[in-house]
Structure formats: structure tokens, C-alpha cells
Amino acid sequence: MDRVASGAATAGSARHGSARADTAGRRRPRVLAALTVALLLGPAPLSSGAGPGPDASGETVSLTGTAPGARLDVTLVRVTDPAGPAPDDADRLVSVQLHLENTGTAVYEDSPAAATHLLDSEGHRFTGASLPTETGAAGATGVAGAGFPEIVILDPGSTATGLVAFRLPRDAGLAAVQFALDGGLANDVAQWSLA
């Protein structure tokens, strides 16, 4: 079952109090007026830094794996394009930063690079590459930042944040990021739309 996170977020509405009927069975005029205004204006805009960004960043998806107790909350933190100097004239580098939280009862032990895919607008699917884990200087891939280790091990309740790099053709349009447990092979797949 695919879980799709679009770039648009819906703001929930909180109700304070309840719309009680008076003795005649009619709703209080104040409540009706407030509901009418809320419907006309729509949801309140999200403040900067809250909720998903225009590229679906900030969106968290809960995923399960095939092993009993395997559950992970995955948040797309940021997509950087270009992510560093181009390796050659035909290609460009893109990085995806993810935040992982083990919300299951089993230890998570997997490769985030193998579990992450980038889809272009032509339908091509690219598998992520591991980055050096040191922060700052660009490594062999040319992408600056802290990457995940080749294998990430998270006890229940533990978290990790890191980058996954992608080498794409220079003219490829970005369409979506995908992530799944079990090295990207689990049936439960998160997808964040970038279009």
C-alpha cells in the first residue's frame, strides 16, 4: 500500500466549546457566524517552518516493514537541487535529507540509501547513494553535509537524520521521493510529491 504525501497540507480546525442547541432547537447565532466565517475563509495559513514545505518537506509518514514490530516514522526534511558541483557536464547531484524515528518494537537495521528513491518527471527511478558521514566538506560524491552510515541501527525510540545523494541527468525534472523499509523492498512505501 503506497502512502502519498502531497506538497499541500491541510490545516485542521480546532473547535472551542460546542454548538449547543437552545430550548427552541436552534444553534446559537455566535457559533453559526463563526462556522460561516471559517467556511468562507478556509483553513488558516500555516506559519513558516510549520507543516510541509512546497516540496512536501516536513511531511512525516509512518511505515511498517516485514519483520514483526518494524515501524519507522520518516520525515522528508529537505531536497537540495543542485546539491554540489556537477560530476560532469551531463549529470547533476541532488540530495535528500531524511529524519528517521523508530516507533516500533523491533530494532531498525537498514540502509537508508538503498531504501530511498528519487523519481524524475519521465518516470525513471534512481536509487540513493551513501555519503561520507562527516559533516561539512564535500566528500567523494561532491555533496556537502552529513550522510547516513551505510547501515543505520536504531533501537526503539531512537532517531537519526542524514543525507542521501542522487546522480541524475542534468535535464531531469524532479517528481517524487520514495522510501520503504527492508532496503526499499517493503510493501508499505512513502511517497512525497515534488511536482
N, C-alpha and C. Protein backbone atom coordinates (compact mmCIF):
# COMPACT_ATOMS: atom_id res chain seq x y z
N MET A 1 0.85 -1.17 0.00
CA MET A 1 0.00 0.00 0.00
C MET A 1 0.89 1.23 0.00
N ASP A 2 0.73 2.06 -0.98
CA ASP A 2 1.51 3.28 -1.07
C ASP A 2 0.89 4.35 -0.20
N ARG A 3 1.75 5.11 0.47
CA ARG A 3 1.30 6.27 1.23
C ARG A 3 1.82 7.48 0.52
N VAL A 4 0.94 8.35 0.10
CA VAL A 4 1.34 9.50 -0.69
C VAL A 4 1.20 10.76 0.16
N ALA A 5 2.26 11.56 0.18
CA ALA A 5 2.23 12.85 0.87
C ALA A 5 2.38 13.93 -0.19
N SER A 6 1.34 14.69 -0.38
CA SER A 6 1.43 15.76 -1.37
C SER A 6 2.07 16.98 -0.74
N GLY A 7 2.48 17.93 -1.60
CA GLY A 7 3.11 19.14 -1.12
C GLY A 7 2.14 20.06 -0.38
N ALA A 8 0.84 19.87 -0.55
CA ALA A 8 -0.13 20.73 0.11
C ALA A 8 -0.54 20.11 1.43
N ALA A 9 -0.62 20.92 2.45
CA ALA A 9 -1.05 20.44 3.76
C ALA A 9 -2.39 21.04 4.08
N THR A 10 -3.17 20.30 4.84
CA THR A 10 -4.45 20.83 5.26
C THR A 10 -4.35 21.17 6.73
N ALA A 11 -4.76 22.34 7.05
CA ALA A 11 -4.73 22.74 8.45
C ALA A 11 -6.03 22.28 9.09
N GLY A 12 -5.94 21.58 10.21
CA GLY A 12 -7.13 21.13 10.91
C GLY A 12 -7.74 22.30 11.66
N SER A 13 -9.02 22.21 11.90
CA SER A 13 -9.66 23.29 12.65
C SER A 13 -9.96 22.79 14.05
N ALA A 14 -9.60 23.58 15.02
CA ALA A 14 -9.87 23.23 16.41
C ALA A 14 -11.17 23.91 16.82
N ARG A 15 -12.02 23.16 17.47
CA ARG A 15 -13.28 23.74 17.93
C ARG A 15 -13.16 23.99 19.42
N HIS A 16 -13.51 25.17 19.82
CA HIS A 16 -13.50 25.53 21.23
C HIS A 16 -14.95 25.58 21.69
N GLY A 17 -15.29 24.70 22.61
CA GLY A 17 -16.68 24.62 23.05
C GLY A 17 -17.48 23.79 22.08
N SER A 18 -18.75 23.77 22.23
CA SER A 18 -19.59 23.03 21.30
C SER A 18 -20.77 23.89 20.89
N ALA A 19 -21.34 23.51 19.78
CA ALA A 19 -22.51 24.24 19.29
C ALA A 19 -23.73 23.61 19.94
N ARG A 20 -24.13 24.12 21.09
CA ARG A 20 -25.27 23.57 21.82
C ARG A 20 -26.57 24.17 21.28
N ALA A 21 -27.57 23.35 21.26
CA ALA A 21 -28.88 23.83 20.83
C ALA A 21 -29.57 24.50 22.01
N ASP A 22 -30.30 25.58 21.75
CA ASP A 22 -31.06 26.19 22.83
C ASP A 22 -32.39 25.47 22.96
N THR A 23 -33.25 25.94 23.82
CA THR A 23 -34.51 25.23 24.08
C THR A 23 -35.38 25.14 22.84
N ALA A 24 -35.26 26.04 21.90
CA ALA A 24 -36.06 26.00 20.68
C ALA A 24 -35.43 25.11 19.63
N GLY A 25 -34.25 24.48 19.93
CA GLY A 25 -33.62 23.58 18.97
C GLY A 25 -32.76 24.30 17.95
N ARG A 26 -32.59 25.62 18.11
CA ARG A 26 -31.76 26.37 17.16
C ARG A 26 -30.36 26.52 17.72
N ARG A 27 -29.36 26.58 16.84
CA ARG A 27 -27.97 26.78 17.26
C ARG A 27 -27.78 28.25 17.64
N ARG A 28 -26.86 28.48 18.53
CA ARG A 28 -26.56 29.85 18.93
C ARG A 28 -26.04 30.64 17.74
N PRO A 29 -26.47 31.88 17.58
CA PRO A 29 -26.04 32.69 16.43
C PRO A 29 -24.53 32.90 16.38
N ARG A 30 -23.86 33.03 17.53
CA ARG A 30 -22.41 33.23 17.54
C ARG A 30 -21.69 32.05 16.90
N VAL A 31 -22.12 30.84 17.23
CA VAL A 31 -21.49 29.64 16.70
C VAL A 31 -21.71 29.56 15.20
N LEU A 32 -22.93 29.83 14.75
CA LEU A 32 -23.22 29.80 13.32
C LEU A 32 -22.41 30.84 12.56
N ALA A 33 -22.27 32.01 13.13
CA ALA A 33 -21.48 33.05 12.47
C ALA A 33 -20.02 32.63 12.37
N ALA A 34 -19.48 32.06 13.43
CA ALA A 34 -18.07 31.62 13.42
C ALA A 34 -17.86 30.51 12.40
N LEU A 35 -18.80 29.57 12.35
CA LEU A 35 -18.68 28.48 11.37
C LEU A 35 -18.78 29.01 9.94
N THR A 36 -19.67 29.96 9.70
CA THR A 36 -19.82 30.53 8.37
C THR A 36 -18.54 31.24 7.93
N VAL A 37 -17.96 32.02 8.84
CA VAL A 37 -16.71 32.72 8.53
C VAL A 37 -15.60 31.72 8.25
N ALA A 38 -15.50 30.66 9.07
CA ALA A 38 -14.46 29.65 8.88
C ALA A 38 -14.60 28.96 7.52
N LEU A 39 -15.84 28.66 7.13
CA LEU A 39 -16.06 28.01 5.83
C LEU A 39 -15.71 28.93 4.68
N LEU A 40 -16.05 30.22 4.81
CA LEU A 40 -15.76 31.17 3.74
C LEU A 40 -14.27 31.44 3.61
N LEU A 41 -13.58 31.54 4.72
CA LEU A 41 -12.15 31.86 4.68
C LEU A 41 -11.27 30.65 4.43
N GLY A 42 -11.75 29.47 4.74
CA GLY A 42 -10.94 28.26 4.56
C GLY A 42 -9.98 28.10 5.72
N PRO A 43 -9.08 27.09 5.62
CA PRO A 43 -8.16 26.83 6.72
C PRO A 43 -7.17 27.98 6.89
N ALA A 44 -6.74 28.15 8.11
CA ALA A 44 -5.76 29.20 8.42
C ALA A 44 -4.44 28.86 7.74
N PRO A 45 -3.73 29.87 7.22
CA PRO A 45 -2.45 29.58 6.59
C PRO A 45 -1.44 29.08 7.60
N LEU A 46 -0.56 28.20 7.15
CA LEU A 46 0.48 27.67 8.01
C LEU A 46 1.59 28.71 8.16
N SER A 47 2.11 28.82 9.36
CA SER A 47 3.21 29.75 9.55
C SER A 47 4.49 29.12 9.01
N SER A 48 5.47 29.95 8.71
CA SER A 48 6.70 29.42 8.15
C SER A 48 7.35 28.49 9.15
N GLY A 49 7.86 27.39 8.65
CA GLY A 49 8.50 26.40 9.49
C GLY A 49 7.53 25.38 10.06
N ALA A 50 6.23 25.59 9.91
CA ALA A 50 5.25 24.64 10.41
C ALA A 50 4.63 23.92 9.24
N GLY A 51 4.51 22.61 9.38
CA GLY A 51 3.87 21.82 8.33
C GLY A 51 4.78 21.64 7.13
N PRO A 52 4.29 20.92 6.13
CA PRO A 52 5.10 20.63 4.95
C PRO A 52 5.43 21.87 4.14
N GLY A 53 6.61 21.87 3.55
CA GLY A 53 7.02 22.94 2.66
C GLY A 53 6.47 22.70 1.27
N PRO A 54 6.81 23.56 0.32
CA PRO A 54 6.27 23.42 -1.03
C PRO A 54 6.73 22.14 -1.72
N ASP A 55 7.85 21.55 -1.27
CA ASP A 55 8.33 20.30 -1.86
C ASP A 55 7.98 19.11 -0.97
N ALA A 56 6.95 19.25 -0.15
CA ALA A 56 6.49 18.23 0.79
C ALA A 56 7.45 18.04 1.94
N SER A 57 8.48 18.89 2.07
CA SER A 57 9.38 18.75 3.20
C SER A 57 8.62 19.04 4.48
N GLY A 58 8.97 18.33 5.52
CA GLY A 58 8.28 18.45 6.79
C GLY A 58 7.18 17.43 6.97
N GLU A 59 6.83 16.72 5.92
CA GLU A 59 5.77 15.72 5.97
C GLU A 59 6.32 14.41 6.53
N THR A 60 5.68 13.86 7.56
CA THR A 60 6.09 12.61 8.18
C THR A 60 5.13 11.50 7.79
N VAL A 61 5.68 10.34 7.43
CA VAL A 61 4.87 9.18 7.07
C VAL A 61 5.31 8.01 7.93
N SER A 62 4.34 7.28 8.51
CA SER A 62 4.63 6.08 9.30
C SER A 62 4.62 4.87 8.38
N LEU A 63 5.68 4.07 8.49
CA LEU A 63 5.83 2.90 7.62
C LEU A 63 6.04 1.65 8.46
N THR A 64 5.64 0.51 7.91
CA THR A 64 5.91 -0.77 8.53
C THR A 64 6.78 -1.60 7.60
N GLY A 65 7.54 -2.50 8.21
CA GLY A 65 8.38 -3.42 7.45
C GLY A 65 7.79 -4.82 7.54
N THR A 66 8.53 -5.79 7.02
CA THR A 66 8.04 -7.17 7.01
C THR A 66 8.26 -7.88 8.33
N ALA A 67 9.25 -7.46 9.12
CA ALA A 67 9.53 -8.10 10.41
C ALA A 67 8.51 -7.64 11.45
N PRO A 68 8.13 -8.52 12.38
CA PRO A 68 7.21 -8.11 13.44
C PRO A 68 7.81 -6.95 14.25
N GLY A 69 7.00 -5.92 14.50
CA GLY A 69 7.44 -4.78 15.29
C GLY A 69 8.24 -3.75 14.53
N ALA A 70 8.44 -3.94 13.21
CA ALA A 70 9.22 -2.99 12.40
C ALA A 70 8.31 -1.83 12.01
N ARG A 71 8.59 -0.66 12.58
CA ARG A 71 7.80 0.53 12.29
C ARG A 71 8.73 1.74 12.38
N LEU A 72 8.62 2.63 11.38
CA LEU A 72 9.50 3.79 11.30
C LEU A 72 8.70 5.00 10.85
N ASP A 73 8.88 6.13 11.54
CA ASP A 73 8.33 7.40 11.07
C ASP A 73 9.43 8.09 10.28
N VAL A 74 9.13 8.42 9.03
CA VAL A 74 10.13 9.03 8.14
C VAL A 74 9.64 10.42 7.75
N THR A 75 10.51 11.41 7.96
CA THR A 75 10.19 12.80 7.62
C THR A 75 11.13 13.27 6.53
N LEU A 76 10.56 13.79 5.44
CA LEU A 76 11.37 14.43 4.41
C LEU A 76 11.71 15.82 4.94
N VAL A 77 12.99 16.05 5.24
CA VAL A 77 13.43 17.32 5.81
C VAL A 77 13.67 18.35 4.71
N ARG A 78 14.39 17.93 3.67
CA ARG A 78 14.76 18.90 2.63
C ARG A 78 15.26 18.16 1.39
N VAL A 79 15.00 18.75 0.23
CA VAL A 79 15.57 18.29 -1.04
C VAL A 79 16.43 19.44 -1.55
N THR A 80 17.70 19.17 -1.86
CA THR A 80 18.61 20.20 -2.35
C THR A 80 19.00 19.88 -3.78
N ASP A 81 18.72 20.81 -4.69
CA ASP A 81 18.99 20.61 -6.11
C ASP A 81 19.44 21.93 -6.72
N PRO A 82 20.68 22.05 -7.15
CA PRO A 82 21.75 21.06 -7.09
C PRO A 82 22.36 21.02 -5.69
N ALA A 83 22.94 19.86 -5.36
CA ALA A 83 23.48 19.64 -4.02
C ALA A 83 24.98 19.82 -3.94
N GLY A 84 25.61 20.10 -5.04
CA GLY A 84 27.05 20.28 -5.05
C GLY A 84 27.53 20.44 -6.48
N PRO A 85 28.83 20.51 -6.66
CA PRO A 85 29.36 20.63 -8.01
C PRO A 85 28.97 19.43 -8.87
N ALA A 86 28.64 19.69 -10.12
CA ALA A 86 28.26 18.61 -11.03
C ALA A 86 29.44 17.69 -11.29
N PRO A 87 29.20 16.37 -11.25
CA PRO A 87 30.30 15.44 -11.51
C PRO A 87 30.81 15.51 -12.94
N ASP A 88 29.95 15.90 -13.86
CA ASP A 88 30.35 16.08 -15.26
C ASP A 88 29.28 16.94 -15.94
N ASP A 89 29.48 17.22 -17.22
CA ASP A 89 28.55 18.11 -17.93
C ASP A 89 27.16 17.51 -18.13
N ALA A 90 27.05 16.17 -18.09
CA ALA A 90 25.78 15.52 -18.37
C ALA A 90 24.93 15.31 -17.13
N ASP A 91 25.53 15.33 -15.94
CA ASP A 91 24.81 14.98 -14.72
C ASP A 91 24.78 16.12 -13.71
N ARG A 92 23.93 15.94 -12.71
CA ARG A 92 23.89 16.87 -11.57
C ARG A 92 23.64 16.05 -10.30
N LEU A 93 23.97 16.64 -9.17
CA LEU A 93 23.77 15.99 -7.89
C LEU A 93 22.57 16.58 -7.18
N VAL A 94 21.78 15.70 -6.57
CA VAL A 94 20.62 16.09 -5.77
C VAL A 94 20.76 15.37 -4.44
N SER A 95 20.46 16.04 -3.34
CA SER A 95 20.48 15.36 -2.04
C SER A 95 19.11 15.45 -1.39
N VAL A 96 18.80 14.41 -0.63
CA VAL A 96 17.56 14.32 0.12
C VAL A 96 17.93 14.12 1.58
N GLN A 97 17.43 15.00 2.44
CA GLN A 97 17.68 14.85 3.87
C GLN A 97 16.43 14.25 4.51
N LEU A 98 16.64 13.17 5.28
CA LEU A 98 15.55 12.47 5.94
C LEU A 98 15.79 12.40 7.44
N HIS A 99 14.71 12.39 8.19
CA HIS A 99 14.76 12.16 9.63
C HIS A 99 14.02 10.86 9.89
N LEU A 100 14.67 9.92 10.56
CA LEU A 100 14.10 8.60 10.84
C LEU A 100 13.86 8.47 12.34
N GLU A 101 12.70 7.96 12.73
CA GLU A 101 12.42 7.67 14.13
C GLU A 101 11.83 6.27 14.23
N ASN A 102 12.47 5.42 15.02
CA ASN A 102 11.99 4.06 15.21
C ASN A 102 10.83 4.09 16.20
N THR A 103 9.61 3.94 15.69
CA THR A 103 8.41 3.95 16.52
C THR A 103 7.89 2.54 16.76
N GLY A 104 8.65 1.53 16.32
CA GLY A 104 8.25 0.15 16.50
C GLY A 104 8.82 -0.46 17.76
N THR A 105 8.69 -1.78 17.84
CA THR A 105 9.21 -2.52 18.99
C THR A 105 10.46 -3.31 18.62
N ALA A 106 10.79 -3.36 17.34
CA ALA A 106 11.98 -4.08 16.87
C ALA A 106 13.10 -3.09 16.56
N VAL A 107 14.33 -3.56 16.59
CA VAL A 107 15.48 -2.72 16.21
C VAL A 107 15.43 -2.51 14.70
N TYR A 108 15.60 -1.25 14.27
CA TYR A 108 15.69 -0.93 12.84
C TYR A 108 17.15 -1.06 12.43
N GLU A 109 17.43 -1.88 11.43
CA GLU A 109 18.78 -2.04 10.90
C GLU A 109 18.66 -2.15 9.39
N ASP A 110 19.03 -1.05 8.71
CA ASP A 110 18.80 -0.98 7.27
C ASP A 110 19.70 0.08 6.67
N SER A 111 19.73 0.12 5.34
CA SER A 111 20.48 1.13 4.61
C SER A 111 19.52 2.18 4.07
N PRO A 112 19.54 3.40 4.64
CA PRO A 112 18.65 4.45 4.13
C PRO A 112 18.91 4.77 2.66
N ALA A 113 20.16 4.65 2.20
CA ALA A 113 20.45 4.95 0.78
C ALA A 113 19.71 3.97 -0.13
N ALA A 114 19.76 2.70 0.20
CA ALA A 114 19.07 1.69 -0.62
C ALA A 114 17.56 1.81 -0.51
N ALA A 115 17.08 2.34 0.62
CA ALA A 115 15.65 2.46 0.88
C ALA A 115 15.03 3.70 0.24
N THR A 116 15.87 4.64 -0.24
CA THR A 116 15.39 5.91 -0.77
C THR A 116 15.53 5.94 -2.28
N HIS A 117 14.47 6.38 -2.95
CA HIS A 117 14.48 6.50 -4.41
C HIS A 117 13.98 7.89 -4.80
N LEU A 118 14.50 8.37 -5.90
CA LEU A 118 14.07 9.65 -6.47
C LEU A 118 13.49 9.35 -7.84
N LEU A 119 12.29 9.85 -8.10
CA LEU A 119 11.63 9.66 -9.39
C LEU A 119 11.71 10.95 -10.17
N ASP A 120 12.04 10.83 -11.46
CA ASP A 120 12.04 12.04 -12.29
C ASP A 120 10.72 12.15 -13.04
N SER A 121 10.53 13.25 -13.74
CA SER A 121 9.26 13.52 -14.41
C SER A 121 9.01 12.59 -15.60
N GLU A 122 10.03 11.85 -16.02
CA GLU A 122 9.86 10.89 -17.11
C GLU A 122 9.55 9.49 -16.59
N GLY A 123 9.49 9.34 -15.26
CA GLY A 123 9.18 8.04 -14.67
C GLY A 123 10.40 7.19 -14.34
N HIS A 124 11.61 7.72 -14.53
CA HIS A 124 12.81 6.98 -14.17
C HIS A 124 12.99 6.99 -12.66
N ARG A 125 13.47 5.88 -12.13
CA ARG A 125 13.66 5.73 -10.68
C ARG A 125 15.14 5.60 -10.39
N PHE A 126 15.65 6.47 -9.50
CA PHE A 126 17.07 6.47 -9.14
C PHE A 126 17.21 6.06 -7.68
N THR A 127 18.16 5.16 -7.41
CA THR A 127 18.43 4.70 -6.05
C THR A 127 19.48 5.60 -5.42
N GLY A 128 19.31 5.88 -4.15
CA GLY A 128 20.23 6.75 -3.43
C GLY A 128 21.60 6.13 -3.24
N ALA A 129 22.57 6.99 -2.97
CA ALA A 129 23.93 6.57 -2.68
C ALA A 129 24.30 7.09 -1.30
N SER A 130 25.09 6.32 -0.57
CA SER A 130 25.55 6.76 0.74
C SER A 130 26.56 7.87 0.60
N LEU A 131 26.54 8.77 1.57
CA LEU A 131 27.51 9.86 1.64
C LEU A 131 28.48 9.58 2.77
N PRO A 132 29.64 10.19 2.73
CA PRO A 132 30.51 10.10 3.90
C PRO A 132 29.77 10.69 5.10
N THR A 133 29.97 10.13 6.28
CA THR A 133 29.20 10.55 7.44
C THR A 133 29.73 11.80 8.11
N GLU A 134 30.90 12.32 7.71
CA GLU A 134 31.39 13.54 8.35
C GLU A 134 30.61 14.75 7.84
N THR A 135 30.47 15.74 8.69
CA THR A 135 29.73 16.95 8.37
C THR A 135 30.65 17.98 7.75
N GLY A 136 30.09 18.77 6.86
CA GLY A 136 30.83 19.92 6.34
C GLY A 136 31.35 19.71 4.95
N ALA A 137 32.62 19.37 4.80
CA ALA A 137 33.27 19.31 3.49
C ALA A 137 32.60 18.31 2.57
N ALA A 138 32.59 18.63 1.30
CA ALA A 138 32.03 17.72 0.30
C ALA A 138 32.92 16.50 0.20
N GLY A 139 32.30 15.34 0.20
CA GLY A 139 33.04 14.09 0.10
C GLY A 139 33.25 13.70 -1.35
N ALA A 140 33.46 12.40 -1.55
CA ALA A 140 33.73 11.88 -2.89
C ALA A 140 32.56 12.14 -3.83
N THR A 141 31.35 12.23 -3.29
CA THR A 141 30.18 12.48 -4.14
C THR A 141 30.07 13.94 -4.54
N GLY A 142 30.72 14.84 -3.82
CA GLY A 142 30.61 16.26 -4.09
C GLY A 142 29.51 16.94 -3.32
N VAL A 143 28.72 16.19 -2.53
CA VAL A 143 27.63 16.75 -1.75
C VAL A 143 28.13 17.06 -0.35
N ALA A 144 27.93 18.30 0.09
CA ALA A 144 28.35 18.70 1.44
C ALA A 144 27.25 18.37 2.44
N GLY A 145 27.64 17.85 3.57
CA GLY A 145 26.67 17.57 4.63
C GLY A 145 26.90 16.21 5.24
N ALA A 146 26.15 15.92 6.27
CA ALA A 146 26.29 14.66 6.99
C ALA A 146 25.40 13.60 6.36
N GLY A 147 26.01 12.52 5.94
CA GLY A 147 25.25 11.42 5.39
C GLY A 147 24.94 10.39 6.45
N PHE A 148 24.05 9.47 6.12
CA PHE A 148 23.80 8.33 6.99
C PHE A 148 24.97 7.37 6.87
N PRO A 149 25.25 6.59 7.92
CA PRO A 149 26.19 5.48 7.75
C PRO A 149 25.62 4.49 6.73
N GLU A 150 26.45 3.63 6.21
CA GLU A 150 25.98 2.63 5.24
C GLU A 150 24.79 1.85 5.82
N ILE A 151 24.90 1.43 7.07
CA ILE A 151 23.81 0.75 7.77
C ILE A 151 23.48 1.57 9.01
N VAL A 152 22.20 1.89 9.18
CA VAL A 152 21.73 2.62 10.36
C VAL A 152 21.07 1.62 11.28
N ILE A 153 21.44 1.67 12.56
CA ILE A 153 20.84 0.81 13.58
C ILE A 153 20.18 1.72 14.61
N LEU A 154 18.85 1.57 14.76
CA LEU A 154 18.08 2.39 15.69
C LEU A 154 17.29 1.49 16.63
N ASP A 155 17.54 1.63 17.92
CA ASP A 155 16.71 0.96 18.91
C ASP A 155 15.34 1.62 18.92
N PRO A 156 14.31 0.95 19.43
CA PRO A 156 13.00 1.59 19.53
C PRO A 156 13.11 2.92 20.28
N GLY A 157 12.50 3.96 19.71
CA GLY A 157 12.54 5.30 20.29
C GLY A 157 13.70 6.15 19.83
N SER A 158 14.69 5.58 19.14
CA SER A 158 15.87 6.32 18.69
C SER A 158 15.60 6.99 17.34
N THR A 159 16.42 8.03 17.04
CA THR A 159 16.26 8.79 15.80
C THR A 159 17.61 8.98 15.11
N ALA A 160 17.56 9.29 13.84
CA ALA A 160 18.75 9.63 13.05
C ALA A 160 18.33 10.55 11.92
N THR A 161 19.22 11.49 11.57
CA THR A 161 18.98 12.41 10.45
C THR A 161 20.22 12.39 9.57
N GLY A 162 20.02 12.34 8.26
CA GLY A 162 21.15 12.33 7.35
C GLY A 162 20.73 12.57 5.91
N LEU A 163 21.75 12.64 5.05
CA LEU A 163 21.54 12.90 3.62
C LEU A 163 21.72 11.63 2.80
N VAL A 164 20.98 11.56 1.72
CA VAL A 164 21.15 10.54 0.70
C VAL A 164 21.37 11.29 -0.61
N ALA A 165 22.38 10.88 -1.39
CA ALA A 165 22.73 11.58 -2.63
C ALA A 165 22.19 10.84 -3.85
N PHE A 166 21.92 11.61 -4.89
CA PHE A 166 21.45 11.05 -6.16
C PHE A 166 22.21 11.73 -7.29
N ARG A 167 22.57 10.95 -8.29
CA ARG A 167 23.18 11.47 -9.51
C ARG A 167 22.15 11.32 -10.62
N LEU A 168 21.71 12.46 -11.15
CA LEU A 168 20.66 12.48 -12.16
C LEU A 168 21.15 13.17 -13.42
N PRO A 169 20.53 12.87 -14.57
CA PRO A 169 20.84 13.64 -15.77
C PRO A 169 20.53 15.12 -15.52
N ARG A 170 21.32 15.99 -16.09
CA ARG A 170 21.20 17.43 -15.85
C ARG A 170 19.79 17.95 -16.14
N ASP A 171 19.12 17.42 -17.17
CA ASP A 171 17.81 17.95 -17.55
C ASP A 171 16.63 17.20 -16.93
N ALA A 172 16.87 16.27 -16.00
CA ALA A 172 15.78 15.50 -15.39
C ALA A 172 14.99 16.38 -14.44
N GLY A 173 13.66 16.35 -14.56
CA GLY A 173 12.79 17.06 -13.64
C GLY A 173 12.48 16.19 -12.44
N LEU A 174 12.46 16.77 -11.26
CA LEU A 174 12.18 16.01 -10.04
C LEU A 174 10.68 15.84 -9.86
N ALA A 175 10.25 14.60 -9.61
CA ALA A 175 8.83 14.34 -9.45
C ALA A 175 8.47 13.89 -8.03
N ALA A 176 9.26 12.98 -7.43
CA ALA A 176 8.89 12.45 -6.12
C ALA A 176 10.08 11.78 -5.45
N VAL A 177 9.98 11.70 -4.13
CA VAL A 177 10.92 10.92 -3.31
C VAL A 177 10.14 9.76 -2.73
N GLN A 178 10.73 8.57 -2.73
CA GLN A 178 10.10 7.39 -2.15
C GLN A 178 11.02 6.80 -1.09
N PHE A 179 10.41 6.16 -0.08
CA PHE A 179 11.17 5.47 0.96
C PHE A 179 10.37 4.27 1.41
N ALA A 180 11.06 3.14 1.60
CA ALA A 180 10.43 1.94 2.14
C ALA A 180 11.44 1.19 3.00
N LEU A 181 10.97 0.51 4.01
CA LEU A 181 11.84 -0.31 4.84
C LEU A 181 12.31 -1.52 4.06
N ASP A 182 13.13 -2.33 4.70
CA ASP A 182 13.66 -3.56 4.09
C ASP A 182 14.44 -3.25 2.82
N GLY A 183 15.33 -2.25 2.91
CA GLY A 183 16.16 -1.89 1.77
C GLY A 183 15.37 -1.37 0.59
N GLY A 184 14.20 -0.80 0.86
CA GLY A 184 13.36 -0.26 -0.20
C GLY A 184 12.41 -1.28 -0.79
N LEU A 185 12.35 -2.48 -0.22
CA LEU A 185 11.55 -3.56 -0.81
C LEU A 185 10.24 -3.83 -0.08
N ALA A 186 9.99 -3.17 1.05
CA ALA A 186 8.74 -3.40 1.79
C ALA A 186 7.55 -2.92 0.97
N ASN A 187 6.39 -3.50 1.23
CA ASN A 187 5.17 -3.12 0.50
C ASN A 187 4.66 -1.75 0.90
N ASP A 188 4.94 -1.32 2.12
CA ASP A 188 4.49 -0.03 2.63
C ASP A 188 5.49 1.04 2.18
N VAL A 189 5.09 1.86 1.21
CA VAL A 189 6.00 2.83 0.58
C VAL A 189 5.51 4.26 0.82
N ALA A 190 6.40 5.12 1.32
CA ALA A 190 6.08 6.55 1.45
C ALA A 190 6.47 7.24 0.16
N GLN A 191 5.65 8.18 -0.28
CA GLN A 191 5.99 8.97 -1.47
C GLN A 191 5.65 10.42 -1.21
N TRP A 192 6.66 11.28 -1.39
CA TRP A 192 6.49 12.73 -1.25
C TRP A 192 6.56 13.34 -2.64
N SER A 193 5.52 14.04 -3.04
CA SER A 193 5.47 14.67 -4.36
C SER A 193 6.34 15.93 -4.36
N LEU A 194 7.14 16.09 -5.40
CA LEU A 194 7.98 17.28 -5.56
C LEU A 194 7.49 18.16 -6.68
N ALA A 195 6.45 17.73 -7.39
CA ALA A 195 5.95 18.48 -8.55
C ALA A 195 5.01 19.57 -8.12
